[in-house]
Amino acid sequence: MKVPPDYPGAVMIDEEEIQSVVEVLKAKSPFRFYGPSLLGKTKSFEEKFAEFVGVKHALAVSSGTAALVVSLRALGIGEGDEVIVPANTFIASAGAVLESGATPVYAEVDESLTIDVNKIEERITPKTKALMVVHFAGVPCKMNDVLEIVKEHGLILIEDCAQACGASFNGKKVGSFGDIGAFSFQINKIITTGDGGAITTNDEKIYLRAVRAHDQGCLRDENGHLHIEISNEAFYSSNYRMTELAAAVGIVQLAKIDRIISAMRENKKKIVERLGSLKNYSFAKIWDEDGDTGRNLILIAQNVSQAKCLTDNLSKLGFAAAVPYEGLPVYANKQIRDMKDWKGRTKDIDKFKPCPYTENLLPRTVIIGINPLFEEDHIDTLVKIIRECDES
């Protein structure tokens, strides 16, 4: 039995994506703003993605990390500001905050592996400018409580949706709750452009600042050309643009996302139903079962050895099973913990506060990738191995 690779968007690539890319190459116009025969794939992808998420604006960028960096610049977050970030997340979430010049402040997660809404307020200080929530492993955060907190404290809300494109909470898509949402289309993600990302917002001003932030701090003319900037709205930035080639893949992938998510949900449902109750593992909390993408099955073991048993046995058979981030919070990365830049400068080290609950939870957590191409043999084998580890 061969297990399909754990790349849900990539395994669905077929002649449609190939044809879409070939169209761009034949037009000899892979740059998004102009060329010999520009097809406007990037603009089309942005329009379709905004409609999918349910927002007024979407901006395509070069990566999920770029989406976070551009978002923070668009929001005017920088030196002297603090941004609350969950302790369980990919390095880019905290790294983007540091890149902006702000200071990440870490909050505990709960057994959903998303931010613990009961632990956010204890991290708020007079310098807190924003809250970044991370919809983790395809699962949405508890957004009703998050919205109450940011409203009460007047905070900017950033949604890191990199791992949860297509997830929803109470019928509303992630990326449409906050001031801004950041998505990734890296190859591990639910849909992929190889690398790539997008920003979503309903705020016209934030959108225009994001456009500047992703393109040297400038706005282009109707023909896609840059001119010497004289606007007081201009600020320096870098290049985070998406190419027409990436967008060509993205348009086709986006058209497949409902089918991908539906297949993952159905496969996850079968696994959970066949497993029933377990003795030594518990299912991670999901705040909105209907809004879960089905991307992963997350089990929490009673101890580290049980987690290792499960990851080892599943990995031997080719399943994607791992303890998240080697069982460590994001601040275990030394450059993040030391807040150390490329010149070796550190800052605010004395402000660091650990998250002991998260540190205890992550080494006992097992994330199992659910593939849209799973067949009955894959599902039965996966269930069998989990049960064997549970009974050992």
Protein backbone atom coordinates (compact mmCIF):
# COMPACT_ATOMS: atom_id res chain seq x y z
CA MET A 1 0.00 0.00 0.00
CA LYS A 2 1.46 3.31 -1.10
CA VAL A 3 0.40 6.37 0.90
CA PRO A 4 -0.12 9.49 -1.23
CA PRO A 5 2.28 12.35 -0.43
CA ASP A 6 0.96 14.76 2.21
CA TYR A 7 0.51 17.73 -0.11
CA PRO A 8 -3.26 18.13 -0.53
CA GLY A 9 -3.17 20.80 -3.19
CA ALA A 10 -0.15 19.48 -5.07
CA VAL A 11 -1.49 15.91 -5.41
CA MET A 12 -4.51 17.37 -7.22
CA ILE A 13 -2.42 19.11 -9.89
CA ASP A 14 -3.30 17.90 -13.38
CA GLU A 15 -3.51 19.16 -16.95
CA GLU A 16 -5.60 22.17 -15.91
CA GLU A 17 -2.75 23.77 -13.96
CA ILE A 18 -0.28 22.83 -16.66
CA GLN A 19 -2.42 24.43 -19.36
CA SER A 20 -2.90 27.58 -17.29
CA VAL A 21 0.87 27.97 -16.87
CA VAL A 22 1.50 27.25 -20.55
CA GLU A 23 -0.91 30.05 -21.45
CA VAL A 24 1.25 32.52 -19.53
CA LEU A 25 4.44 31.24 -21.13
CA LYS A 26 2.95 31.41 -24.61
CA ALA A 27 1.91 35.00 -23.89
CA LYS A 28 5.54 35.67 -22.86
CA SER A 29 4.22 37.72 -19.95
CA PRO A 30 5.08 36.16 -16.56
CA PHE A 31 5.28 39.55 -14.79
CA ARG A 32 2.00 40.56 -13.20
CA PHE A 33 1.82 44.21 -14.26
CA TYR A 34 2.85 44.30 -17.91
CA GLY A 35 4.40 42.30 -20.75
CA PRO A 36 4.05 41.51 -24.47
CA SER A 37 0.56 40.05 -23.98
CA LEU A 38 -0.47 40.29 -20.34
CA LEU A 39 -3.24 37.85 -19.39
CA GLY A 40 -4.01 39.33 -15.96
CA LYS A 41 -3.93 35.99 -14.13
CA THR A 42 -2.81 37.58 -10.86
CA LYS A 43 -5.57 40.16 -10.87
CA SER A 44 -8.12 37.46 -11.68
CA PHE A 45 -6.81 35.26 -8.86
CA GLU A 46 -7.10 38.16 -6.41
CA GLU A 47 -10.69 38.81 -7.42
CA LYS A 48 -11.65 35.14 -7.14
CA PHE A 49 -9.86 34.74 -3.81
CA ALA A 50 -11.57 37.80 -2.31
CA GLU A 51 -14.91 36.36 -3.36
CA PHE A 52 -14.01 32.97 -1.88
CA VAL A 53 -13.03 34.41 1.51
CA GLY A 54 -15.93 36.88 1.48
CA VAL A 55 -14.01 40.15 1.63
CA LYS A 56 -13.73 43.28 -0.52
CA HIS A 57 -10.02 43.05 -1.24
CA ALA A 58 -7.34 40.41 -1.76
CA LEU A 59 -3.70 41.01 -2.65
CA ALA A 60 -1.52 38.22 -4.02
CA VAL A 61 2.05 38.09 -2.70
CA SER A 62 5.12 35.90 -3.01
CA SER A 63 4.73 33.77 0.15
CA GLY A 64 2.83 33.34 3.39
CA THR A 65 5.69 35.02 5.22
CA ALA A 66 5.44 37.93 2.79
CA ALA A 67 1.73 38.11 3.57
CA LEU A 68 2.50 38.57 7.26
CA VAL A 69 5.29 41.10 6.69
CA VAL A 70 3.17 43.13 4.29
CA SER A 71 0.19 42.96 6.66
CA LEU A 72 2.18 44.38 9.56
CA ARG A 73 3.55 47.20 7.40
CA ALA A 74 0.09 47.97 6.04
CA LEU A 75 -1.19 48.23 9.61
CA GLY A 76 1.61 50.59 10.64
CA ILE A 77 2.96 48.24 13.29
CA GLY A 78 6.59 48.73 14.22
CA GLU A 79 9.12 49.85 16.78
CA GLY A 80 7.68 50.23 20.28
CA ASP A 81 4.60 48.10 19.57
CA GLU A 82 3.81 44.68 20.99
CA VAL A 83 1.91 41.97 19.14
CA ILE A 84 0.43 38.99 20.99
CA VAL A 85 1.23 35.73 19.18
CA PRO A 86 0.31 32.15 20.16
CA ALA A 87 3.25 30.13 21.44
CA ASN A 88 2.36 27.31 19.06
CA THR A 89 2.97 28.51 15.51
CA PHE A 90 5.42 28.40 12.64
CA ILE A 91 8.49 30.61 12.98
CA ALA A 92 7.19 33.07 10.36
CA SER A 93 4.42 34.37 12.64
CA ALA A 94 6.85 35.62 15.27
CA GLY A 95 9.59 36.39 12.75
CA ALA A 96 7.35 38.76 10.79
CA VAL A 97 6.57 40.68 13.97
CA LEU A 98 10.28 41.04 14.68
CA GLU A 99 10.91 42.00 11.05
CA SER A 100 8.43 44.86 11.51
CA GLY A 101 10.42 46.16 14.47
CA ALA A 102 7.70 45.23 16.97
CA THR A 103 7.99 42.80 19.87
CA PRO A 104 6.14 39.45 19.91
CA VAL A 105 4.52 38.57 23.22
CA TYR A 106 3.57 34.91 23.54
CA ALA A 107 0.24 33.57 24.76
CA GLU A 108 -0.71 30.04 25.74
CA VAL A 109 -2.68 27.72 23.48
CA ASP A 110 -5.35 25.32 24.70
CA GLU A 111 -6.21 21.78 23.60
CA SER A 112 -7.37 23.08 20.25
CA LEU A 113 -3.70 24.00 19.65
CA THR A 114 -4.97 27.52 18.89
CA ILE A 115 -4.65 30.54 21.16
CA ASP A 116 -6.29 30.18 24.57
CA VAL A 117 -8.80 33.02 24.68
CA ASN A 118 -8.72 32.91 28.49
CA LYS A 119 -5.00 33.69 28.50
CA ILE A 120 -4.89 36.62 26.08
CA GLU A 121 -5.79 39.47 28.40
CA GLU A 122 -3.00 38.69 30.86
CA ARG A 123 -0.52 39.46 28.05
CA ILE A 124 -2.00 42.85 27.19
CA THR A 125 0.07 45.89 28.18
CA PRO A 126 -0.12 49.61 27.30
CA LYS A 127 2.19 48.81 24.36
CA THR A 128 -0.02 46.08 22.88
CA LYS A 129 -1.02 47.15 19.38
CA ALA A 130 -2.35 43.95 17.87
CA LEU A 131 -3.40 40.37 18.43
CA MET A 132 -2.32 37.76 15.89
CA VAL A 133 -4.37 34.58 15.95
CA VAL A 134 -3.20 31.48 14.08
CA HIS A 135 -5.79 29.12 12.65
CA PHE A 136 -3.72 26.01 13.24
CA ALA A 137 -3.55 22.80 11.19
CA GLY A 138 -6.77 23.53 9.32
CA VAL A 139 -8.77 24.38 12.44
CA PRO A 140 -10.28 27.82 13.17
CA CYS A 141 -9.71 29.73 16.40
CA LYS A 142 -12.55 30.53 18.79
CA MET A 143 -13.36 33.72 16.95
CA ASN A 144 -16.42 34.90 18.90
CA ASP A 145 -14.33 35.32 22.05
CA VAL A 146 -11.37 36.73 20.10
CA LEU A 147 -13.58 39.44 18.61
CA GLU A 148 -14.89 40.42 22.04
CA ILE A 149 -11.34 40.80 23.39
CA VAL A 150 -10.02 42.94 20.54
CA LYS A 151 -13.12 45.14 20.67
CA GLU A 152 -12.88 45.64 24.44
CA HIS A 153 -9.19 46.54 24.31
CA GLY A 154 -9.12 48.39 21.00
CA LEU A 155 -6.63 46.02 19.39
CA ILE A 156 -5.88 45.38 15.73
CA LEU A 157 -6.73 41.80 14.76
CA ILE A 158 -4.43 39.89 12.40
CA GLU A 159 -5.46 36.44 11.22
CA ASP A 160 -2.66 34.07 10.23
CA CYS A 161 -4.60 31.72 7.96
CA ALA A 162 -1.57 30.03 6.40
CA GLN A 163 -2.60 26.54 7.53
CA ALA A 164 -6.35 26.91 7.23
CA CYS A 165 -7.41 28.26 3.85
CA GLY A 166 -11.10 27.46 3.53
CA ALA A 167 -11.75 27.00 7.26
CA SER A 168 -14.66 28.87 8.82
CA PHE A 169 -16.18 29.76 12.16
CA ASN A 170 -19.96 30.00 12.49
CA GLY A 171 -20.22 29.94 8.70
CA LYS A 172 -17.79 32.81 8.13
CA LYS A 173 -14.46 32.14 6.42
CA VAL A 174 -11.20 32.72 8.26
CA GLY A 175 -9.46 35.77 6.88
CA SER A 176 -12.68 37.78 6.98
CA PHE A 177 -12.89 38.42 10.74
CA GLY A 178 -9.87 40.62 11.37
CA ASP A 179 -8.49 43.89 10.12
CA ILE A 180 -6.34 41.77 7.84
CA GLY A 181 -5.81 38.10 6.99
CA ALA A 182 -2.62 36.41 5.76
CA PHE A 183 -2.62 33.19 3.69
CA SER A 184 0.05 30.84 2.39
CA PHE A 185 0.04 28.70 -0.75
CA GLN A 186 3.32 26.91 -0.02
CA ILE A 187 3.39 23.28 -1.14
CA ASN A 188 2.25 21.83 2.22
CA LYS A 189 -0.90 23.92 2.19
CA ILE A 190 -4.49 23.07 1.23
CA ILE A 191 -4.03 24.73 -2.14
CA THR A 192 -0.62 25.55 -3.53
CA THR A 193 1.21 27.74 -6.01
CA GLY A 194 4.53 26.18 -4.97
CA ASP A 195 5.19 29.26 -2.89
CA GLY A 196 2.90 32.23 -2.65
CA GLY A 197 0.44 33.97 -0.39
CA ALA A 198 -2.39 36.45 -0.15
CA ILE A 199 -3.71 39.20 2.07
CA THR A 200 -7.41 39.82 2.67
CA THR A 201 -9.19 42.85 4.12
CA ASN A 202 -12.41 44.83 3.96
CA ASP A 203 -10.64 48.11 4.68
CA GLU A 204 -9.79 50.20 1.60
CA LYS A 205 -7.04 52.16 3.36
CA ILE A 206 -5.37 49.03 4.70
CA TYR A 207 -5.59 47.45 1.26
CA LEU A 208 -3.89 50.40 -0.46
CA ARG A 209 -1.16 50.44 2.18
CA ALA A 210 -0.70 46.68 1.59
CA VAL A 211 -0.39 47.32 -2.15
CA ARG A 212 2.38 49.80 -1.37
CA ALA A 213 4.02 47.47 1.14
CA HIS A 214 4.25 44.62 -1.38
CA ASP A 215 5.66 46.77 -4.18
CA GLN A 216 8.49 49.06 -3.03
CA GLY A 217 6.05 51.35 -1.17
CA CYS A 218 4.56 52.55 -4.45
CA LEU A 219 1.28 52.58 -6.36
CA ARG A 220 1.39 51.91 -10.10
CA ASP A 221 -0.39 53.74 -12.92
CA GLU A 222 -3.16 52.20 -15.03
CA ASN A 223 -0.54 50.62 -17.31
CA GLY A 224 1.25 48.96 -14.40
CA HIS A 225 4.28 51.26 -14.37
CA LEU A 226 6.02 52.90 -11.42
CA HIS A 227 6.82 56.61 -11.28
CA ILE A 228 8.75 58.80 -8.86
CA GLU A 229 6.60 58.91 -5.73
CA ILE A 230 5.61 62.32 -4.36
CA SER A 231 2.68 61.21 -2.21
CA ASN A 232 2.82 61.72 1.56
CA GLU A 233 1.28 58.24 1.80
CA ALA A 234 4.41 56.59 0.39
CA PHE A 235 6.83 54.63 2.59
CA TYR A 236 9.79 52.46 1.74
CA SER A 237 9.28 48.73 1.43
CA SER A 238 10.42 45.78 -0.66
CA ASN A 239 9.22 43.48 -3.45
CA TYR A 240 6.73 40.81 -2.39
CA ARG A 241 4.83 40.50 -5.68
CA MET A 242 3.28 37.29 -7.00
CA THR A 243 4.12 36.26 -10.57
CA GLU A 244 1.64 35.41 -13.31
CA LEU A 245 3.02 31.85 -13.29
CA ALA A 246 2.14 31.33 -9.63
CA ALA A 247 -1.27 32.94 -10.11
CA ALA A 248 -1.94 30.68 -13.10
CA VAL A 249 -1.61 27.69 -10.79
CA GLY A 250 -3.54 29.44 -8.02
CA ILE A 251 -6.63 30.11 -10.14
CA VAL A 252 -7.01 26.42 -10.96
CA GLN A 253 -6.21 25.28 -7.43
CA LEU A 254 -8.78 27.66 -5.98
CA ALA A 255 -11.43 26.16 -8.26
CA LYS A 256 -10.59 22.77 -6.70
CA ILE A 257 -10.52 23.81 -3.05
CA ASP A 258 -14.08 22.82 -2.20
CA ARG A 259 -13.46 19.35 -3.64
CA ILE A 260 -10.17 19.04 -1.73
CA ILE A 261 -11.69 20.09 1.59
CA SER A 262 -14.77 17.92 1.08
CA ALA A 263 -12.59 14.85 0.49
CA MET A 264 -10.39 15.56 3.53
CA ARG A 265 -13.42 16.11 5.75
CA GLU A 266 -15.02 12.87 4.61
CA ASN A 267 -11.81 10.91 5.18
CA LYS A 268 -11.30 12.44 8.62
CA LYS A 269 -14.90 11.69 9.56
CA LYS A 270 -14.45 8.02 8.66
CA ILE A 271 -11.25 7.81 10.72
CA VAL A 272 -12.78 9.43 13.79
CA GLU A 273 -15.91 7.28 13.61
CA ARG A 274 -13.94 4.04 13.22
CA LEU A 275 -11.59 4.94 16.07
CA GLY A 276 -14.37 5.59 18.58
CA SER A 277 -13.12 6.31 22.08
CA LEU A 278 -9.45 5.94 22.95
CA LYS A 279 -7.77 5.21 26.29
CA ASN A 280 -4.42 6.93 25.97
CA TYR A 281 -5.13 9.60 23.38
CA SER A 282 -7.71 12.37 23.20
CA PHE A 283 -8.88 14.28 20.16
CA ALA A 284 -7.81 17.90 20.02
CA LYS A 285 -10.62 20.36 20.67
CA ILE A 286 -12.28 21.88 17.59
CA TRP A 287 -14.31 25.02 18.27
CA ASP A 288 -16.40 24.64 15.14
CA GLU A 289 -16.55 21.11 13.73
CA ASP A 290 -18.34 22.32 10.60
CA GLY A 291 -15.60 24.86 9.96
CA ASP A 292 -12.70 22.39 10.23
CA THR A 293 -11.03 21.77 6.85
CA GLY A 294 -10.25 18.16 7.75
CA ARG A 295 -6.60 18.80 6.89
CA ASN A 296 -5.27 17.01 9.97
CA LEU A 297 -6.26 14.62 12.70
CA ILE A 298 -4.73 15.87 15.96
CA LEU A 299 -4.36 13.50 18.89
CA ILE A 300 -3.04 14.39 22.34
CA ALA A 301 -1.26 11.60 24.18
CA GLN A 302 -1.05 11.21 27.93
CA ASN A 303 2.72 11.21 27.75
CA VAL A 304 5.61 11.79 25.35
CA SER A 305 6.40 8.10 24.82
CA GLN A 306 2.86 7.44 23.60
CA ALA A 307 3.17 10.31 21.16
CA LYS A 308 6.47 8.88 19.89
CA CYS A 309 4.96 5.42 19.50
CA LEU A 310 2.26 6.80 17.25
CA THR A 311 4.48 9.03 15.11
CA ASP A 312 7.09 6.30 14.65
CA ASN A 313 4.62 3.59 13.65
CA LEU A 314 2.65 5.76 11.26
CA SER A 315 5.77 7.28 9.69
CA LYS A 316 7.19 3.81 8.96
CA LEU A 317 4.21 3.17 6.70
CA GLY A 318 4.52 6.49 4.91
CA PHE A 319 1.83 8.46 6.71
CA ALA A 320 2.54 12.09 7.60
CA ALA A 321 2.63 11.99 11.39
CA ALA A 322 4.68 14.29 13.59
CA VAL A 323 4.87 16.13 16.85
CA PRO A 324 4.35 19.80 15.90
CA TYR A 325 7.57 21.79 15.61
CA GLU A 326 9.54 19.03 17.39
CA GLY A 327 7.33 19.54 20.44
CA LEU A 328 8.59 23.06 21.07
CA PRO A 329 6.97 26.51 21.12
CA VAL A 330 7.96 29.04 18.50
CA TYR A 331 10.23 30.88 20.92
CA ALA A 332 12.46 27.80 21.17
CA ASN A 333 14.04 29.04 17.94
CA LYS A 334 17.08 30.87 19.27
CA GLN A 335 16.84 33.88 16.97
CA ILE A 336 13.21 34.32 18.00
CA ARG A 337 13.90 33.86 21.72
CA ASP A 338 16.82 36.31 21.60
CA MET A 339 14.97 38.65 19.18
CA LYS A 340 18.24 38.74 17.26
CA ASP A 341 18.55 40.45 13.88
CA TRP A 342 21.05 39.97 11.03
CA LYS A 343 23.52 42.39 12.64
CA GLY A 344 23.46 40.43 15.90
CA ARG A 345 21.42 43.02 17.76
CA THR A 346 18.95 41.80 20.38
CA LYS A 347 16.15 43.62 22.17
CA ASP A 348 13.50 43.31 24.87
CA ILE A 349 14.93 40.00 26.11
CA ASP A 350 13.87 40.88 29.65
CA LYS A 351 10.22 41.06 28.53
CA PHE A 352 10.05 37.40 27.54
CA LYS A 353 7.42 35.30 29.34
CA PRO A 354 7.25 31.54 28.76
CA CYS A 355 4.10 29.49 28.19
CA PRO A 356 4.43 26.40 30.42
CA TYR A 357 1.12 24.80 29.44
CA THR A 358 2.05 24.95 25.76
CA GLU A 359 5.51 23.58 26.55
CA ASN A 360 3.86 20.58 28.24
CA LEU A 361 1.19 20.07 25.57
CA LEU A 362 3.20 20.15 22.34
CA PRO A 363 5.52 17.15 22.99
CA ARG A 364 2.41 15.03 23.63
CA THR A 365 0.63 16.15 20.47
CA VAL A 366 0.54 14.16 17.24
CA ILE A 367 -0.58 15.72 13.96
CA ILE A 368 -1.60 13.28 11.25
CA GLY A 369 -2.02 14.54 7.72
CA ILE A 370 -5.33 13.72 6.04
CA ASN A 371 -5.07 13.38 2.28
CA PRO A 372 -7.86 14.00 -0.24
CA LEU A 373 -6.65 10.90 -2.12
CA PHE A 374 -6.91 8.49 0.81
CA GLU A 375 -8.68 5.25 -0.05
CA GLU A 376 -10.31 2.73 2.26
CA ASP A 377 -7.03 0.82 2.73
CA HIS A 378 -5.29 3.97 3.91
CA ILE A 379 -8.07 4.79 6.34
CA ASP A 380 -8.28 1.24 7.73
CA THR A 381 -4.50 1.01 8.17
CA LEU A 382 -4.31 4.37 9.88
CA VAL A 383 -7.10 3.39 12.30
CA LYS A 384 -5.43 0.03 12.97
CA ILE A 385 -2.09 1.62 13.90
CA ILE A 386 -3.69 4.20 16.19
CA ARG A 387 -5.64 1.49 17.98
CA GLU A 388 -2.55 -0.68 18.39
CA CYS A 389 -0.61 2.19 19.94
CA ASP A 390 -3.59 3.03 22.15
CA GLU A 391 -3.70 -0.52 23.50
CA SER A 392 0.05 -1.04 23.93
